[in-house]
Amino acid sequence: MPIITFNAFSFLQKKLKEKHIEYSNVTMKLKQGTHAKDLIRQVQLESEDVEVVFINGKVASFDTIIQDSDRVALIPPGTPGPYRVLLGFKNKKV
């Protein structure tokens, strides 16, 4: 069973707080083979709520399997910052 450190940022914190779900440096146990998209559902968010998943400080696909000791962060759409492209994410085209 992977044990990870979970964080959510910006507007996602408010959504999780309303659902009484912890969102800052939370230690979580996941089922083996859990994908990032599964974690999003597990914390009761929709995939549209999340623009980027960071795993160990790097942008990862929603299909990435989360491993033991990973640090996982969820970032909502539209989060500002001058380094968006350098970090590997940019606004989705609708």
PDB file of N, CA and C in Angstrom:
ATOM      1  N   MET A   1       0.839  -1.196   0.000  1.00  0.00           N
ATOM      2  CA  MET A   1       0.000   0.000   0.000  1.00  0.00           C
ATOM      3  C   MET A   1       0.873   1.245   0.000  1.00  0.00           C
ATOM      4  N   PRO A   2       0.806   2.033  -1.045  1.00  0.00           N
ATOM      5  CA  PRO A   2       1.577   3.268  -1.066  1.00  0.00           C
ATOM      6  C   PRO A   2       1.098   4.254   0.005  1.00  0.00           C
ATOM      7  N   ILE A   3       2.049   4.895   0.633  1.00  0.00           N
ATOM      8  CA  ILE A   3       1.755   5.982   1.565  1.00  0.00           C
ATOM      9  C   ILE A   3       2.354   7.231   0.944  1.00  0.00           C
ATOM     10  N   ILE A   4       1.508   8.259   0.763  1.00  0.00           N
ATOM     11  CA  ILE A   4       1.936   9.473   0.068  1.00  0.00           C
ATOM     12  C   ILE A   4       1.717  10.703   0.951  1.00  0.00           C
ATOM     13  N   THR A   5       2.289  11.814   0.501  1.00  0.00           N
ATOM     14  CA  THR A   5       1.988  13.112   1.090  1.00  0.00           C
ATOM     15  C   THR A   5       1.166  13.881   0.066  1.00  0.00           C
ATOM     16  N   PHE A   6       0.000  14.349   0.491  1.00  0.00           N
ATOM     17  CA  PHE A   6      -0.963  14.999  -0.406  1.00  0.00           C
ATOM     18  C   PHE A   6      -1.116  16.467  -0.055  1.00  0.00           C
ATOM     19  N   ASN A   7      -1.185  17.301  -1.098  1.00  0.00           N
ATOM     20  CA  ASN A   7      -1.475  18.727  -0.955  1.00  0.00           C
ATOM     21  C   ASN A   7      -2.407  19.170  -2.071  1.00  0.00           C
ATOM     22  N   ALA A   8      -3.250  20.134  -1.759  1.00  0.00           N
ATOM     23  CA  ALA A   8      -4.081  20.784  -2.767  1.00  0.00           C
ATOM     24  C   ALA A   8      -3.857  22.285  -2.614  1.00  0.00           C
ATOM     25  N   PHE A   9      -3.923  23.003  -3.713  1.00  0.00           N
ATOM     26  CA  PHE A   9      -3.607  24.422  -3.679  1.00  0.00           C
ATOM     27  C   PHE A   9      -4.756  25.276  -4.177  1.00  0.00           C
ATOM     28  N   SER A  10      -4.672  26.542  -3.806  1.00  0.00           N
ATOM     29  CA  SER A  10      -5.545  27.593  -4.277  1.00  0.00           C
ATOM     30  C   SER A  10      -7.018  27.247  -4.043  1.00  0.00           C
ATOM     31  N   PHE A  11      -7.833  27.361  -5.080  1.00  0.00           N
ATOM     32  CA  PHE A  11      -9.278  27.192  -4.938  1.00  0.00           C
ATOM     33  C   PHE A  11      -9.679  25.787  -4.498  1.00  0.00           C
ATOM     34  N   LEU A  12      -8.817  24.809  -4.737  1.00  0.00           N
ATOM     35  CA  LEU A  12      -9.143  23.438  -4.332  1.00  0.00           C
ATOM     36  C   LEU A  12      -9.199  23.303  -2.823  1.00  0.00           C
ATOM     37  N   GLN A  13      -8.421  24.109  -2.122  1.00  0.00           N
ATOM     38  CA  GLN A  13      -8.445  24.044  -0.664  1.00  0.00           C
ATOM     39  C   GLN A  13      -9.835  24.358  -0.128  1.00  0.00           C
ATOM     40  N   LYS A  14     -10.475  25.372  -0.696  1.00  0.00           N
ATOM     41  CA  LYS A  14     -11.824  25.748  -0.258  1.00  0.00           C
ATOM     42  C   LYS A  14     -12.809  24.606  -0.513  1.00  0.00           C
ATOM     43  N   LYS A  15     -12.727  24.007  -1.692  1.00  0.00           N
ATOM     44  CA  LYS A  15     -13.637  22.907  -2.022  1.00  0.00           C
ATOM     45  C   LYS A  15     -13.452  21.736  -1.058  1.00  0.00           C
ATOM     46  N   LEU A  16     -12.195  21.400  -0.760  1.00  0.00           N
ATOM     47  CA  LEU A  16     -11.940  20.279   0.141  1.00  0.00           C
ATOM     48  C   LEU A  16     -12.332  20.607   1.572  1.00  0.00           C
ATOM     49  N   LYS A  17     -12.098  21.833   1.973  1.00  0.00           N
ATOM     50  CA  LYS A  17     -12.477  22.252   3.329  1.00  0.00           C
ATOM     51  C   LYS A  17     -13.988  22.125   3.523  1.00  0.00           C
ATOM     52  N   GLU A  18     -14.761  22.512   2.516  1.00  0.00           N
ATOM     53  CA  GLU A  18     -16.226  22.395   2.584  1.00  0.00           C
ATOM     54  C   GLU A  18     -16.668  20.947   2.738  1.00  0.00           C
ATOM     55  N   LYS A  19     -15.851  20.014   2.243  1.00  0.00           N
ATOM     56  CA  LYS A  19     -16.170  18.582   2.326  1.00  0.00           C
ATOM     57  C   LYS A  19     -15.494  17.925   3.528  1.00  0.00           C
ATOM     58  N   HIS A  20     -14.833  18.752   4.356  1.00  0.00           N
ATOM     59  CA  HIS A  20     -14.128  18.265   5.553  1.00  0.00           C
ATOM     60  C   HIS A  20     -13.026  17.271   5.191  1.00  0.00           C
ATOM     61  N   ILE A  21     -12.311  17.576   4.114  1.00  0.00           N
ATOM     62  CA  ILE A  21     -11.200  16.745   3.662  1.00  0.00           C
ATOM     63  C   ILE A  21      -9.913  17.551   3.844  1.00  0.00           C
ATOM     64  N   GLU A  22      -8.943  16.956   4.520  1.00  0.00           N
ATOM     65  CA  GLU A  22      -7.672  17.640   4.742  1.00  0.00           C
ATOM     66  C   GLU A  22      -6.934  17.809   3.418  1.00  0.00           C
ATOM     67  N   TYR A  23      -6.144  18.889   3.319  1.00  0.00           N
ATOM     68  CA  TYR A  23      -5.527  19.217   2.036  1.00  0.00           C
ATOM     69  C   TYR A  23      -4.092  19.730   2.128  1.00  0.00           C
ATOM     70  N   SER A  24      -3.491  19.763   3.306  1.00  0.00           N
ATOM     71  CA  SER A  24      -2.155  20.319   3.433  1.00  0.00           C
ATOM     72  C   SER A  24      -1.208  19.358   4.140  1.00  0.00           C
ATOM     73  N   ASN A  25      -0.231  18.842   3.388  1.00  0.00           N
ATOM     74  CA  ASN A  25       0.750  17.890   3.927  1.00  0.00           C
ATOM     75  C   ASN A  25       0.093  16.712   4.637  1.00  0.00           C
ATOM     76  N   VAL A  26      -0.900  16.138   3.985  1.00  0.00           N
ATOM     77  CA  VAL A  26      -1.662  15.018   4.541  1.00  0.00           C
ATOM     78  C   VAL A  26      -0.989  13.703   4.152  1.00  0.00           C
ATOM     79  N   THR A  27      -0.787  12.835   5.114  1.00  0.00           N
ATOM     80  CA  THR A  27      -0.291  11.498   4.833  1.00  0.00           C
ATOM     81  C   THR A  27      -1.486  10.626   4.489  1.00  0.00           C
ATOM     82  N   MET A  28      -1.445  10.005   3.324  1.00  0.00           N
ATOM     83  CA  MET A  28      -2.563   9.176   2.855  1.00  0.00           C
ATOM     84  C   MET A  28      -2.064   7.797   2.459  1.00  0.00           C
ATOM     85  N   LYS A  29      -2.895   6.783   2.738  1.00  0.00           N
ATOM     86  CA  LYS A  29      -2.643   5.432   2.241  1.00  0.00           C
ATOM     87  C   LYS A  29      -3.530   5.214   1.035  1.00  0.00           C
ATOM     88  N   LEU A  30      -2.939   4.693  -0.028  1.00  0.00           N
ATOM     89  CA  LEU A  30      -3.677   4.421  -1.258  1.00  0.00           C
ATOM     90  C   LEU A  30      -3.600   2.940  -1.589  1.00  0.00           C
ATOM     91  N   LYS A  31      -4.544   2.490  -2.399  1.00  0.00           N
ATOM     92  CA  LYS A  31      -4.478   1.124  -2.921  1.00  0.00           C
ATOM     93  C   LYS A  31      -3.344   1.037  -3.935  1.00  0.00           C
ATOM     94  N   GLN A  32      -2.714  -0.110  -3.993  1.00  0.00           N
ATOM     95  CA  GLN A  32      -1.677  -0.340  -4.997  1.00  0.00           C
ATOM     96  C   GLN A  32      -2.275  -0.109  -6.384  1.00  0.00           C
ATOM     97  N   GLY A  33      -1.562   0.580  -7.250  1.00  0.00           N
ATOM     98  CA  GLY A  33      -2.032   0.816  -8.605  1.00  0.00           C
ATOM     99  C   GLY A  33      -2.932   2.032  -8.758  1.00  0.00           C
ATOM    100  N   THR A  34      -3.031   2.861  -7.720  1.00  0.00           N
ATOM    101  CA  THR A  34      -3.858   4.066  -7.793  1.00  0.00           C
ATOM    102  C   THR A  34      -3.243   5.067  -8.765  1.00  0.00           C
ATOM    103  N   HIS A  35      -4.059   5.534  -9.702  1.00  0.00           N
ATOM    104  CA  HIS A  35      -3.643   6.571 -10.648  1.00  0.00           C
ATOM    105  C   HIS A  35      -3.950   7.942 -10.047  1.00  0.00           C
ATOM    106  N   ALA A  36      -3.330   8.974 -10.600  1.00  0.00           N
ATOM    107  CA  ALA A  36      -3.615  10.342 -10.153  1.00  0.00           C
ATOM    108  C   ALA A  36      -5.101  10.650 -10.296  1.00  0.00           C
ATOM    109  N   LYS A  37      -5.722  10.202 -11.389  1.00  0.00           N
ATOM    110  CA  LYS A  37      -7.152  10.467 -11.592  1.00  0.00           C
ATOM    111  C   LYS A  37      -7.998   9.776 -10.528  1.00  0.00           C
ATOM    112  N   ASP A  38      -7.543   8.632 -10.012  1.00  0.00           N
ATOM    113  CA  ASP A  38      -8.257   7.946  -8.930  1.00  0.00           C
ATOM    114  C   ASP A  38      -8.173   8.748  -7.634  1.00  0.00           C
ATOM    115  N   LEU A  39      -7.009   9.341  -7.385  1.00  0.00           N
ATOM    116  CA  LEU A  39      -6.839  10.170  -6.191  1.00  0.00           C
ATOM    117  C   LEU A  39      -7.761  11.380  -6.256  1.00  0.00           C
ATOM    118  N   ILE A  40      -7.878  11.977  -7.437  1.00  0.00           N
ATOM    119  CA  ILE A  40      -8.777  13.130  -7.610  1.00  0.00           C
ATOM    120  C   ILE A  40     -10.196  12.738  -7.207  1.00  0.00           C
ATOM    121  N   ARG A  41     -10.653  11.583  -7.663  1.00  0.00           N
ATOM    122  CA  ARG A  41     -11.993  11.109  -7.297  1.00  0.00           C
ATOM    123  C   ARG A  41     -12.076  10.789  -5.801  1.00  0.00           C
ATOM    124  N   GLN A  42     -11.004  10.210  -5.266  1.00  0.00           N
ATOM    125  CA  GLN A  42     -10.986   9.816  -3.855  1.00  0.00           C
ATOM    126  C   GLN A  42     -11.173  11.026  -2.935  1.00  0.00           C
ATOM    127  N   VAL A  43     -10.635  12.179  -3.330  1.00  0.00           N
ATOM    128  CA  VAL A  43     -10.802  13.381  -2.512  1.00  0.00           C
ATOM    129  C   VAL A  43     -12.037  14.182  -2.951  1.00  0.00           C
ATOM    130  N   GLN A  44     -12.912  13.532  -3.681  1.00  0.00           N
ATOM    131  CA  GLN A  44     -14.218  14.058  -4.067  1.00  0.00           C
ATOM    132  C   GLN A  44     -14.148  15.305  -4.945  1.00  0.00           C
ATOM    133  N   LEU A  45     -13.164  15.315  -5.849  1.00  0.00           N
ATOM    134  CA  LEU A  45     -13.083  16.373  -6.840  1.00  0.00           C
ATOM    135  C   LEU A  45     -13.373  15.788  -8.209  1.00  0.00           C
ATOM    136  N   GLU A  46     -13.719  16.644  -9.135  1.00  0.00           N
ATOM    137  CA  GLU A  46     -13.924  16.250 -10.528  1.00  0.00           C
ATOM    138  C   GLU A  46     -12.628  16.524 -11.289  1.00  0.00           C
ATOM    139  N   SER A  47     -12.409  15.805 -12.367  1.00  0.00           N
ATOM    140  CA  SER A  47     -11.186  16.036 -13.145  1.00  0.00           C
ATOM    141  C   SER A  47     -11.133  17.469 -13.676  1.00  0.00           C
ATOM    142  N   GLU A  48     -12.287  18.087 -13.915  1.00  0.00           N
ATOM    143  CA  GLU A  48     -12.331  19.473 -14.389  1.00  0.00           C
ATOM    144  C   GLU A  48     -11.864  20.460 -13.318  1.00  0.00           C
ATOM    145  N   ASP A  49     -11.887  20.032 -12.055  1.00  0.00           N
ATOM    146  CA  ASP A  49     -11.438  20.888 -10.952  1.00  0.00           C
ATOM    147  C   ASP A  49      -9.922  21.005 -10.906  1.00  0.00           C
ATOM    148  N   VAL A  50      -9.230  20.097 -11.591  1.00  0.00           N
ATOM    149  CA  VAL A  50      -7.771  20.012 -11.497  1.00  0.00           C
ATOM    150  C   VAL A  50      -7.153  20.235 -12.874  1.00  0.00           C
ATOM    151  N   GLU A  51      -6.255  21.208 -12.957  1.00  0.00           N
ATOM    152  CA  GLU A  51      -5.549  21.433 -14.221  1.00  0.00           C
ATOM    153  C   GLU A  51      -4.274  20.611 -14.269  1.00  0.00           C
ATOM    154  N   VAL A  52      -3.569  20.534 -13.132  1.00  0.00           N
ATOM    155  CA  VAL A  52      -2.264  19.904 -13.109  1.00  0.00           C
ATOM    156  C   VAL A  52      -2.103  19.049 -11.859  1.00  0.00           C
ATOM    157  N   VAL A  53      -1.467  17.907 -12.056  1.00  0.00           N
ATOM    158  CA  VAL A  53      -1.045  17.061 -10.942  1.00  0.00           C
ATOM    159  C   VAL A  53       0.479  17.106 -10.915  1.00  0.00           C
ATOM    160  N   PHE A  54       1.022  17.465  -9.770  1.00  0.00           N
ATOM    161  CA  PHE A  54       2.465  17.389  -9.559  1.00  0.00           C
ATOM    162  C   PHE A  54       2.751  16.144  -8.744  1.00  0.00           C
ATOM    163  N   ILE A  55       3.692  15.345  -9.196  1.00  0.00           N
ATOM    164  CA  ILE A  55       4.179  14.202  -8.425  1.00  0.00           C
ATOM    165  C   ILE A  55       5.670  14.394  -8.247  1.00  0.00           C
ATOM    166  N   ASN A  56       6.068  14.512  -7.006  1.00  0.00           N
ATOM    167  CA  ASN A  56       7.474  14.748  -6.660  1.00  0.00           C
ATOM    168  C   ASN A  56       8.042  15.977  -7.368  1.00  0.00           C
ATOM    169  N   GLY A  57       7.207  17.017  -7.456  1.00  0.00           N
ATOM    170  CA  GLY A  57       7.660  18.289  -8.010  1.00  0.00           C
ATOM    171  C   GLY A  57       7.643  18.400  -9.514  1.00  0.00           C
ATOM    172  N   LYS A  58       7.127  17.369 -10.199  1.00  0.00           N
ATOM    173  CA  LYS A  58       7.079  17.398 -11.660  1.00  0.00           C
ATOM    174  C   LYS A  58       5.651  17.179 -12.137  1.00  0.00           C
ATOM    175  N   VAL A  59       5.301  17.835 -13.232  1.00  0.00           N
ATOM    176  CA  VAL A  59       3.981  17.650 -13.816  1.00  0.00           C
ATOM    177  C   VAL A  59       3.831  16.202 -14.263  1.00  0.00           C
ATOM    178  N   ALA A  60       2.676  15.618 -13.922  1.00  0.00           N
ATOM    179  CA  ALA A  60       2.415  14.220 -14.276  1.00  0.00           C
ATOM    180  C   ALA A  60       1.049  14.101 -14.935  1.00  0.00           C
ATOM    181  N   SER A  61       0.905  13.086 -15.727  1.00  0.00           N
ATOM    182  CA  SER A  61      -0.365  12.769 -16.377  1.00  0.00           C
ATOM    183  C   SER A  61      -1.365  12.272 -15.343  1.00  0.00           C
ATOM    184  N   PHE A  62      -2.640  12.485 -15.614  1.00  0.00           N
ATOM    185  CA  PHE A  62      -3.696  11.955 -14.735  1.00  0.00           C
ATOM    186  C   PHE A  62      -3.657  10.423 -14.722  1.00  0.00           C
ATOM    187  N   ASP A  63      -3.024   9.810 -15.713  1.00  0.00           N
ATOM    188  CA  ASP A  63      -2.925   8.352 -15.793  1.00  0.00           C
ATOM    189  C   ASP A  63      -1.697   7.790 -15.068  1.00  0.00           C
ATOM    190  N   THR A  64      -0.896   8.650 -14.474  1.00  0.00           N
ATOM    191  CA  THR A  64       0.307   8.202 -13.767  1.00  0.00           C
ATOM    192  C   THR A  64      -0.077   7.396 -12.527  1.00  0.00           C
ATOM    193  N   ILE A  65       0.594   6.265 -12.340  1.00  0.00           N
ATOM    194  CA  ILE A  65       0.366   5.453 -11.137  1.00  0.00           C
ATOM    195  C   ILE A  65       1.195   6.046 -10.008  1.00  0.00           C
ATOM    196  N   ILE A  66       0.547   6.292  -8.888  1.00  0.00           N
ATOM    197  CA  ILE A  66       1.204   6.882  -7.723  1.00  0.00           C
ATOM    198  C   ILE A  66       1.955   5.789  -6.969  1.00  0.00           C
ATOM    199  N   GLN A  67       3.188   6.107  -6.599  1.00  0.00           N
ATOM    200  CA  GLN A  67       4.073   5.147  -5.923  1.00  0.00           C
ATOM    201  C   GLN A  67       4.232   5.506  -4.449  1.00  0.00           C
ATOM    202  N   ASP A  68       4.718   4.543  -3.672  1.00  0.00           N
ATOM    203  CA  ASP A  68       4.989   4.765  -2.261  1.00  0.00           C
ATOM    204  C   ASP A  68       5.961   5.932  -2.093  1.00  0.00           C
ATOM    205  N   SER A  69       5.692   6.768  -1.116  1.00  0.00           N
ATOM    206  CA  SER A  69       6.520   7.934  -0.746  1.00  0.00           C
ATOM    207  C   SER A  69       6.409   9.101  -1.713  1.00  0.00           C
ATOM    208  N   ASP A  70       5.516   9.025  -2.709  1.00  0.00           N
ATOM    209  CA  ASP A  70       5.343  10.152  -3.623  1.00  0.00           C
ATOM    210  C   ASP A  70       4.742  11.346  -2.883  1.00  0.00           C
ATOM    211  N   ARG A  71       5.102  12.529  -3.358  1.00  0.00           N
ATOM    212  CA  ARG A  71       4.491  13.777  -2.911  1.00  0.00           C
ATOM    213  C   ARG A  71       3.582  14.226  -4.054  1.00  0.00           C
ATOM    214  N   VAL A  72       2.289  14.310  -3.781  1.00  0.00           N
ATOM    215  CA  VAL A  72       1.311  14.601  -4.827  1.00  0.00           C
ATOM    216  C   VAL A  72       0.598  15.912  -4.501  1.00  0.00           C
ATOM    217  N   ALA A  73       0.534  16.807  -5.484  1.00  0.00           N
ATOM    218  CA  ALA A  73      -0.154  18.083  -5.318  1.00  0.00           C
ATOM    219  C   ALA A  73      -1.114  18.294  -6.474  1.00  0.00           C
ATOM    220  N   LEU A  74      -2.280  18.825  -6.161  1.00  0.00           N
ATOM    221  CA  LEU A  74      -3.290  19.142  -7.167  1.00  0.00           C
ATOM    222  C   LEU A  74      -3.391  20.653  -7.297  1.00  0.00           C
ATOM    223  N   ILE A  75      -3.424  21.125  -8.549  1.00  0.00           N
ATOM    224  CA  ILE A  75      -3.473  22.546  -8.858  1.00  0.00           C
ATOM    225  C   ILE A  75      -4.732  22.806  -9.687  1.00  0.00           C
ATOM    226  N   PRO A  76      -5.548  23.812  -9.311  1.00  0.00           N
ATOM    227  CA  PRO A  76      -6.763  24.083 -10.072  1.00  0.00           C
ATOM    228  C   PRO A  76      -6.483  24.866 -11.350  1.00  0.00           C
ATOM    229  N   PRO A  77      -7.448  24.886 -12.269  1.00  0.00           N
ATOM    230  CA  PRO A  77      -7.294  25.669 -13.498  1.00  0.00           C
ATOM    231  C   PRO A  77      -7.129  27.160 -13.195  1.00  0.00           C
ATOM    232  N   GLY A  78      -6.323  27.807 -14.012  1.00  0.00           N
ATOM    233  CA  GLY A  78      -6.198  29.252 -13.917  1.00  0.00           C
ATOM    234  C   GLY A  78      -5.293  29.751 -12.809  1.00  0.00           C
ATOM    235  N   THR A  79      -4.580  28.864 -12.155  1.00  0.00           N
ATOM    236  CA  THR A  79      -3.657  29.316 -11.118  1.00  0.00           C
ATOM    237  C   THR A  79      -2.605  30.205 -11.778  1.00  0.00           C
ATOM    238  N   PRO A  80      -2.452  31.437 -11.288  1.00  0.00           N
ATOM    239  CA  PRO A  80      -1.525  32.355 -11.937  1.00  0.00           C
ATOM    240  C   PRO A  80      -0.073  32.042 -11.612  1.00  0.00           C
ATOM    241  N   GLY A  81       0.787  32.554 -12.424  1.00  0.00           N
ATOM    242  CA  GLY A  81       2.213  32.419 -12.156  1.00  0.00           C
ATOM    243  C   GLY A  81       3.020  32.552 -13.423  1.00  0.00           C
ATOM    244  N   PRO A  82       4.159  33.205 -13.320  1.00  0.00           N
ATOM    245  CA  PRO A  82       4.965  33.445 -14.513  1.00  0.00           C
ATOM    246  C   PRO A  82       5.689  32.204 -15.023  1.00  0.00           C
ATOM    247  N   TYR A  83       5.722  31.153 -14.230  1.00  0.00           N
ATOM    248  CA  TYR A  83       6.514  29.987 -14.605  1.00  0.00           C
ATOM    249  C   TYR A  83       5.659  28.814 -15.082  1.00  0.00           C
ATOM    250  N   ARG A  84       4.405  29.065 -15.422  1.00  0.00           N
ATOM    251  CA  ARG A  84       3.487  28.000 -15.820  1.00  0.00           C
ATOM    252  C   ARG A  84       4.072  27.117 -16.932  1.00  0.00           C
ATOM    253  N   VAL A  85       4.568  27.729 -17.986  1.00  0.00           N
ATOM    254  CA  VAL A  85       5.085  26.962 -19.120  1.00  0.00           C
ATOM    255  C   VAL A  85       6.372  26.250 -18.738  1.00  0.00           C
ATOM    256  N   LEU A  86       7.245  26.920 -17.990  1.00  0.00           N
ATOM    257  CA  LEU A  86       8.497  26.288 -17.563  1.00  0.00           C
ATOM    258  C   LEU A  86       8.244  25.085 -16.671  1.00  0.00           C
ATOM    259  N   LEU A  87       7.177  25.145 -15.858  1.00  0.00           N
ATOM    260  CA  LEU A  87       6.837  24.021 -14.993  1.00  0.00           C
ATOM    261  C   LEU A  87       6.151  22.897 -15.767  1.00  0.00           C
ATOM    262  N   GLY A  88       5.707  23.195 -16.969  1.00  0.00           N
ATOM    263  CA  GLY A  88       5.131  22.153 -17.808  1.00  0.00           C
ATOM    264  C   GLY A  88       3.634  22.173 -17.917  1.00  0.00           C
ATOM    265  N   PHE A  89       3.007  23.271 -17.490  1.00  0.00           N
ATOM    266  CA  PHE A  89       1.566  23.334 -17.675  1.00  0.00           C
ATOM    267  C   PHE A  89       1.167  24.708 -18.176  1.00  0.00           C
ATOM    268  N   LYS A  90       0.071  24.705 -18.909  1.00  0.00           N
ATOM    269  CA  LYS A  90      -0.468  25.942 -19.464  1.00  0.00           C
ATOM    270  C   LYS A  90      -1.961  25.780 -19.574  1.00  0.00           C
ATOM    271  N   ASN A  91      -2.664  26.878 -19.822  1.00  0.00           N
ATOM    272  CA  ASN A  91      -4.118  26.826 -19.881  1.00  0.00           C
ATOM    273  C   ASN A  91      -4.576  25.841 -20.948  1.00  0.00           C
ATOM    274  N   LYS A  92      -5.621  25.069 -20.600  1.00  0.00           N
ATOM    275  CA  LYS A  92      -6.226  24.154 -21.570  1.00  0.00           C
ATOM    276  C   LYS A  92      -7.020  24.952 -22.576  1.00  0.00           C
ATOM    277  N   LYS A  93      -7.047  24.487 -23.804  1.00  0.00           N
ATOM    278  CA  LYS A  93      -7.900  25.117 -24.815  1.00  0.00           C
ATOM    279  C   LYS A  93      -9.247  24.431 -24.763  1.00  0.00           C
ATOM    280  N   VAL A  94     -10.295  25.212 -24.687  1.00  0.00           N
ATOM    281  CA  VAL A  94     -11.646  24.652 -24.598  1.00  0.00           C
ATOM    282  C   VAL A  94     -12.282  24.602 -25.950  1.00  0.00           C
TER     283      VAL A  94
END
